């Protein structure tokens, strides 16, 4: 029995299948990305749901944010900058800028 739409119905069917496959593929990619991010965050010892807040708190408590009058020894400050980079609290560019600032204070 013919639906009465002819070629138009076939084109619609193909487009419908392609759009459906695209949506499913995007959903699968999103789920895979979330799972991988969750594993990476847990491997760093952070809670996957609050890792960003934990990192912000660690940076806030950092002595790098303290006034210049409360300076600690240079090796200690450099070690802290390295730790912040390792945990992901700062980027590589921020790490280099902080190291340069610490070394310039010598």
N, C-alpha and C. Protein backbone atom coordinates (compact mmCIF):
# COMPACT_ATOMS: atom_id res chain seq x y z
N UNK A 1 0.83 -1.17 0.00
CA UNK A 1 0.00 0.00 0.00
C UNK A 1 0.88 1.23 0.00
N UNK A 2 0.62 2.17 -0.83
CA UNK A 2 1.42 3.37 -0.96
C UNK A 2 0.94 4.43 0.02
N UNK A 3 1.90 5.20 0.57
CA UNK A 3 1.53 6.23 1.53
C UNK A 3 1.05 7.48 0.84
N UNK A 4 1.33 7.62 -0.44
CA UNK A 4 0.88 8.78 -1.18
C UNK A 4 1.88 9.91 -1.20
N UNK A 5 3.01 9.73 -0.56
CA UNK A 5 4.01 10.80 -0.53
C UNK A 5 5.12 10.57 -1.55
N UNK A 6 5.28 9.38 -2.06
CA UNK A 6 6.25 9.08 -3.10
C UNK A 6 7.67 9.34 -2.67
N UNK A 7 8.40 10.03 -3.53
CA UNK A 7 9.82 10.33 -3.29
C UNK A 7 10.00 11.20 -2.06
N UNK A 8 9.04 12.09 -1.81
CA UNK A 8 9.13 12.97 -0.65
C UNK A 8 9.14 12.17 0.65
N UNK A 9 8.36 11.13 0.72
CA UNK A 9 8.32 10.28 1.91
C UNK A 9 9.63 9.56 2.12
N UNK A 10 10.27 9.11 1.05
CA UNK A 10 11.55 8.41 1.15
C UNK A 10 12.64 9.37 1.63
N UNK A 11 12.65 10.59 1.09
CA UNK A 11 13.64 11.58 1.51
C UNK A 11 13.45 11.92 2.98
N UNK A 12 12.21 12.11 3.39
CA UNK A 12 11.93 12.40 4.79
C UNK A 12 12.41 11.26 5.68
N UNK A 13 12.18 10.04 5.27
CA UNK A 13 12.60 8.87 6.04
C UNK A 13 14.11 8.84 6.22
N UNK A 14 14.85 9.11 5.13
CA UNK A 14 16.31 9.11 5.20
C UNK A 14 16.79 10.23 6.12
N UNK A 15 16.22 11.42 5.96
CA UNK A 15 16.61 12.55 6.81
C UNK A 15 16.30 12.26 8.27
N UNK A 16 15.16 11.67 8.54
CA UNK A 16 14.77 11.33 9.91
C UNK A 16 15.77 10.36 10.52
N UNK A 17 16.17 9.35 9.77
CA UNK A 17 17.14 8.37 10.27
C UNK A 17 18.49 9.04 10.53
N UNK A 18 18.95 9.89 9.61
CA UNK A 18 20.24 10.56 9.77
C UNK A 18 20.24 11.49 10.99
N UNK A 19 19.17 12.24 11.18
CA UNK A 19 19.09 13.14 12.33
C UNK A 19 19.05 12.32 13.62
N UNK A 20 18.32 11.25 13.63
CA UNK A 20 18.25 10.38 14.81
C UNK A 20 19.63 9.81 15.14
N UNK A 21 20.35 9.33 14.13
CA UNK A 21 21.70 8.79 14.35
C UNK A 21 22.65 9.88 14.87
N UNK A 22 22.53 11.08 14.35
CA UNK A 22 23.36 12.20 14.81
C UNK A 22 23.10 12.49 16.28
N UNK A 23 21.85 12.55 16.67
CA UNK A 23 21.49 12.84 18.06
C UNK A 23 22.01 11.74 18.98
N UNK A 24 21.87 10.50 18.57
CA UNK A 24 22.37 9.38 19.38
C UNK A 24 23.89 9.46 19.49
N UNK A 25 24.59 9.77 18.39
CA UNK A 25 26.06 9.88 18.42
C UNK A 25 26.51 10.99 19.36
N UNK A 26 25.85 12.13 19.32
CA UNK A 26 26.20 13.24 20.22
C UNK A 26 25.98 12.83 21.67
N UNK A 27 24.89 12.16 21.94
CA UNK A 27 24.60 11.69 23.30
C UNK A 27 25.68 10.73 23.78
N UNK A 28 26.08 9.78 22.94
CA UNK A 28 27.10 8.80 23.32
C UNK A 28 28.43 9.51 23.58
N UNK A 29 28.79 10.46 22.72
CA UNK A 29 30.04 11.21 22.92
C UNK A 29 30.01 11.97 24.23
N UNK A 30 28.89 12.59 24.56
CA UNK A 30 28.77 13.34 25.81
C UNK A 30 28.92 12.42 27.02
N UNK A 31 28.31 11.26 26.98
CA UNK A 31 28.40 10.32 28.09
C UNK A 31 29.84 9.83 28.26
N UNK A 32 30.49 9.49 27.15
CA UNK A 32 31.88 9.04 27.22
C UNK A 32 32.77 10.15 27.79
N UNK A 33 32.58 11.38 27.36
CA UNK A 33 33.38 12.50 27.86
C UNK A 33 33.16 12.70 29.35
N UNK A 34 31.92 12.61 29.81
CA UNK A 34 31.64 12.78 31.24
C UNK A 34 32.28 11.68 32.07
N UNK A 35 32.24 10.46 31.57
CA UNK A 35 32.85 9.34 32.30
C UNK A 35 34.36 9.53 32.39
N UNK A 36 34.99 9.92 31.27
CA UNK A 36 36.44 10.13 31.27
C UNK A 36 36.84 11.28 32.20
N UNK A 37 36.08 12.38 32.18
CA UNK A 37 36.36 13.51 33.06
C UNK A 37 36.21 13.09 34.53
N UNK A 38 35.18 12.31 34.81
CA UNK A 38 34.96 11.85 36.18
C UNK A 38 36.12 10.99 36.67
N UNK A 39 36.61 10.10 35.82
CA UNK A 39 37.76 9.27 36.19
C UNK A 39 38.99 10.12 36.44
N UNK A 40 39.25 11.07 35.56
CA UNK A 40 40.43 11.93 35.70
C UNK A 40 40.36 12.74 36.99
N UNK A 41 39.20 13.26 37.31
CA UNK A 41 39.04 14.05 38.54
C UNK A 41 39.26 13.18 39.77
N UNK A 42 38.68 11.97 39.76
CA UNK A 42 38.87 11.06 40.89
C UNK A 42 40.33 10.66 41.05
N UNK A 43 41.04 10.47 39.93
CA UNK A 43 42.46 10.10 40.00
C UNK A 43 43.28 11.21 40.65
N UNK A 44 42.83 12.45 40.54
CA UNK A 44 43.51 13.58 41.16
C UNK A 44 43.07 13.78 42.62
N UNK A 45 42.17 12.93 43.08
CA UNK A 45 41.73 13.01 44.47
C UNK A 45 40.65 14.04 44.73
N UNK A 46 39.92 14.42 43.69
CA UNK A 46 38.86 15.42 43.84
C UNK A 46 37.50 14.76 43.65
N UNK A 47 36.49 15.39 44.20
CA UNK A 47 35.12 14.94 44.02
C UNK A 47 34.65 15.40 42.64
N UNK A 48 34.17 14.49 41.79
CA UNK A 48 33.76 14.88 40.44
C UNK A 48 32.68 15.97 40.40
N UNK A 49 31.86 16.05 41.42
CA UNK A 49 30.79 17.04 41.41
C UNK A 49 31.22 18.39 41.97
N UNK A 50 32.29 18.42 42.76
CA UNK A 50 32.70 19.68 43.38
C UNK A 50 34.18 19.98 43.18
N UNK A 51 34.81 19.34 42.22
CA UNK A 51 36.25 19.52 42.00
C UNK A 51 36.64 20.95 41.73
N UNK A 52 35.83 21.67 40.97
CA UNK A 52 36.16 23.06 40.67
C UNK A 52 36.16 23.92 41.94
N UNK A 53 35.22 23.66 42.83
CA UNK A 53 35.16 24.40 44.09
C UNK A 53 36.35 24.04 44.98
N UNK A 54 36.72 22.76 45.00
CA UNK A 54 37.87 22.35 45.79
C UNK A 54 39.14 23.04 45.28
N UNK A 55 39.32 23.11 43.98
CA UNK A 55 40.50 23.77 43.43
C UNK A 55 40.49 25.26 43.73
N UNK A 56 39.32 25.89 43.64
CA UNK A 56 39.22 27.32 43.96
C UNK A 56 39.57 27.55 45.43
N UNK A 57 39.11 26.69 46.31
CA UNK A 57 39.44 26.81 47.73
C UNK A 57 40.92 26.62 47.99
N UNK A 58 41.52 25.67 47.31
CA UNK A 58 42.96 25.44 47.46
C UNK A 58 43.74 26.66 47.00
N UNK A 59 43.34 27.24 45.90
CA UNK A 59 44.01 28.44 45.41
C UNK A 59 43.81 29.61 46.37
N UNK A 60 42.60 29.73 46.93
CA UNK A 60 42.31 30.82 47.87
C UNK A 60 43.15 30.70 49.14
N UNK A 61 43.35 29.47 49.62
CA UNK A 61 44.15 29.26 50.82
C UNK A 61 45.65 29.34 50.56
N UNK A 62 46.03 29.36 49.29
CA UNK A 62 47.43 29.38 48.91
C UNK A 62 48.11 30.63 49.43
N UNK A 63 49.35 30.49 49.83
CA UNK A 63 50.13 31.63 50.28
C UNK A 63 50.49 32.57 49.15
N UNK A 64 50.33 32.11 47.91
CA UNK A 64 50.58 32.99 46.77
C UNK A 64 49.60 34.15 46.74
N UNK A 65 48.43 33.95 47.36
CA UNK A 65 47.42 35.00 47.39
C UNK A 65 47.61 35.93 48.60
N UNK A 66 48.56 35.60 49.49
CA UNK A 66 48.80 36.40 50.69
C UNK A 66 49.52 37.69 50.32
N UNK A 67 49.42 38.70 51.16
CA UNK A 67 50.15 39.94 50.91
C UNK A 67 51.66 39.71 50.85
N UNK A 68 52.35 40.60 50.15
CA UNK A 68 53.79 40.45 49.95
C UNK A 68 54.57 40.49 51.27
N UNK A 69 54.01 41.08 52.31
CA UNK A 69 54.72 41.18 53.60
C UNK A 69 54.86 39.83 54.28
N UNK A 70 54.07 38.87 53.90
CA UNK A 70 54.11 37.55 54.54
C UNK A 70 54.85 36.54 53.65
N UNK A 71 55.96 36.95 53.05
CA UNK A 71 56.69 36.09 52.13
C UNK A 71 57.37 34.94 52.87
N UNK A 72 57.31 33.79 52.25
CA UNK A 72 57.98 32.60 52.76
C UNK A 72 59.24 32.38 51.93
N UNK A 73 60.07 31.43 52.32
CA UNK A 73 61.29 31.15 51.55
C UNK A 73 60.97 30.79 50.09
N UNK A 74 61.86 31.20 49.18
CA UNK A 74 61.64 31.00 47.74
C UNK A 74 61.42 29.52 47.39
N UNK A 75 62.23 28.58 47.89
CA UNK A 75 61.99 27.18 47.52
C UNK A 75 60.59 26.69 47.92
N UNK A 76 60.12 27.14 49.06
CA UNK A 76 58.78 26.75 49.51
C UNK A 76 57.71 27.33 48.59
N UNK A 77 57.87 28.59 48.19
CA UNK A 77 56.90 29.23 47.29
C UNK A 77 56.92 28.57 45.92
N UNK A 78 58.11 28.22 45.40
CA UNK A 78 58.21 27.54 44.11
C UNK A 78 57.57 26.16 44.17
N UNK A 79 57.76 25.45 45.28
CA UNK A 79 57.15 24.13 45.44
C UNK A 79 55.63 24.23 45.44
N UNK A 80 55.12 25.29 46.07
CA UNK A 80 53.67 25.47 46.10
C UNK A 80 53.12 25.74 44.70
N UNK A 81 53.83 26.56 43.93
CA UNK A 81 53.40 26.86 42.56
C UNK A 81 53.40 25.56 41.74
N UNK A 82 54.42 24.74 41.92
CA UNK A 82 54.48 23.46 41.20
C UNK A 82 53.32 22.56 41.59
N UNK A 83 52.97 22.55 42.87
CA UNK A 83 51.84 21.73 43.35
C UNK A 83 50.52 22.23 42.77
N UNK A 84 50.35 23.54 42.70
CA UNK A 84 49.12 24.09 42.12
C UNK A 84 48.99 23.70 40.65
N UNK A 85 50.10 23.67 39.93
CA UNK A 85 50.07 23.25 38.53
C UNK A 85 49.73 21.77 38.44
N UNK A 86 50.34 20.97 39.30
CA UNK A 86 50.11 19.53 39.27
C UNK A 86 48.64 19.18 39.53
N UNK A 87 48.02 19.89 40.45
CA UNK A 87 46.62 19.61 40.77
C UNK A 87 45.65 20.26 39.80
N UNK A 88 46.14 21.12 38.91
CA UNK A 88 45.27 21.75 37.92
C UNK A 88 44.63 23.03 38.40
N UNK A 89 45.07 23.54 39.55
CA UNK A 89 44.48 24.77 40.08
C UNK A 89 44.89 25.99 39.24
N UNK A 90 46.05 25.89 38.59
CA UNK A 90 46.50 26.97 37.71
C UNK A 90 46.95 26.36 36.39
N UNK A 91 46.97 27.18 35.35
CA UNK A 91 47.41 26.73 34.03
C UNK A 91 48.93 26.81 33.93
N UNK A 92 49.46 26.26 32.86
CA UNK A 92 50.91 26.31 32.65
C UNK A 92 51.39 27.75 32.49
N UNK A 93 50.58 28.58 31.85
CA UNK A 93 50.95 29.99 31.67
C UNK A 93 50.97 30.71 33.03
N UNK A 94 49.97 30.46 33.86
CA UNK A 94 49.93 31.06 35.19
C UNK A 94 51.11 30.56 36.03
N UNK A 95 51.46 29.29 35.87
CA UNK A 95 52.59 28.70 36.59
C UNK A 95 53.87 29.44 36.23
N UNK A 96 54.12 29.62 34.95
CA UNK A 96 55.33 30.31 34.52
C UNK A 96 55.36 31.75 35.01
N UNK A 97 54.20 32.43 34.96
CA UNK A 97 54.13 33.82 35.42
C UNK A 97 54.43 33.91 36.92
N UNK A 98 53.87 33.00 37.71
CA UNK A 98 54.11 33.01 39.16
C UNK A 98 55.57 32.71 39.47
N UNK A 99 56.16 31.72 38.77
CA UNK A 99 57.58 31.41 38.99
C UNK A 99 58.45 32.63 38.68
N UNK A 100 58.14 33.30 37.58
CA UNK A 100 58.91 34.48 37.20
C UNK A 100 58.78 35.58 38.27
N UNK A 101 57.55 35.76 38.78
CA UNK A 101 57.34 36.77 39.82
C UNK A 101 58.10 36.44 41.09
N UNK A 102 58.09 35.17 41.49
CA UNK A 102 58.80 34.75 42.70
C UNK A 102 60.30 34.94 42.53
N UNK A 103 60.81 34.54 41.38
CA UNK A 103 62.25 34.68 41.14
C UNK A 103 62.67 36.13 40.99
N UNK A 104 61.77 37.00 40.52
CA UNK A 104 62.08 38.41 40.39
C UNK A 104 62.18 39.09 41.76
N UNK A 105 61.54 38.51 42.78
CA UNK A 105 61.59 39.07 44.12
C UNK A 105 62.91 38.82 44.83
N UNK A 106 63.78 38.01 44.25
CA UNK A 106 65.08 37.69 44.88
C UNK A 106 65.97 38.91 45.00
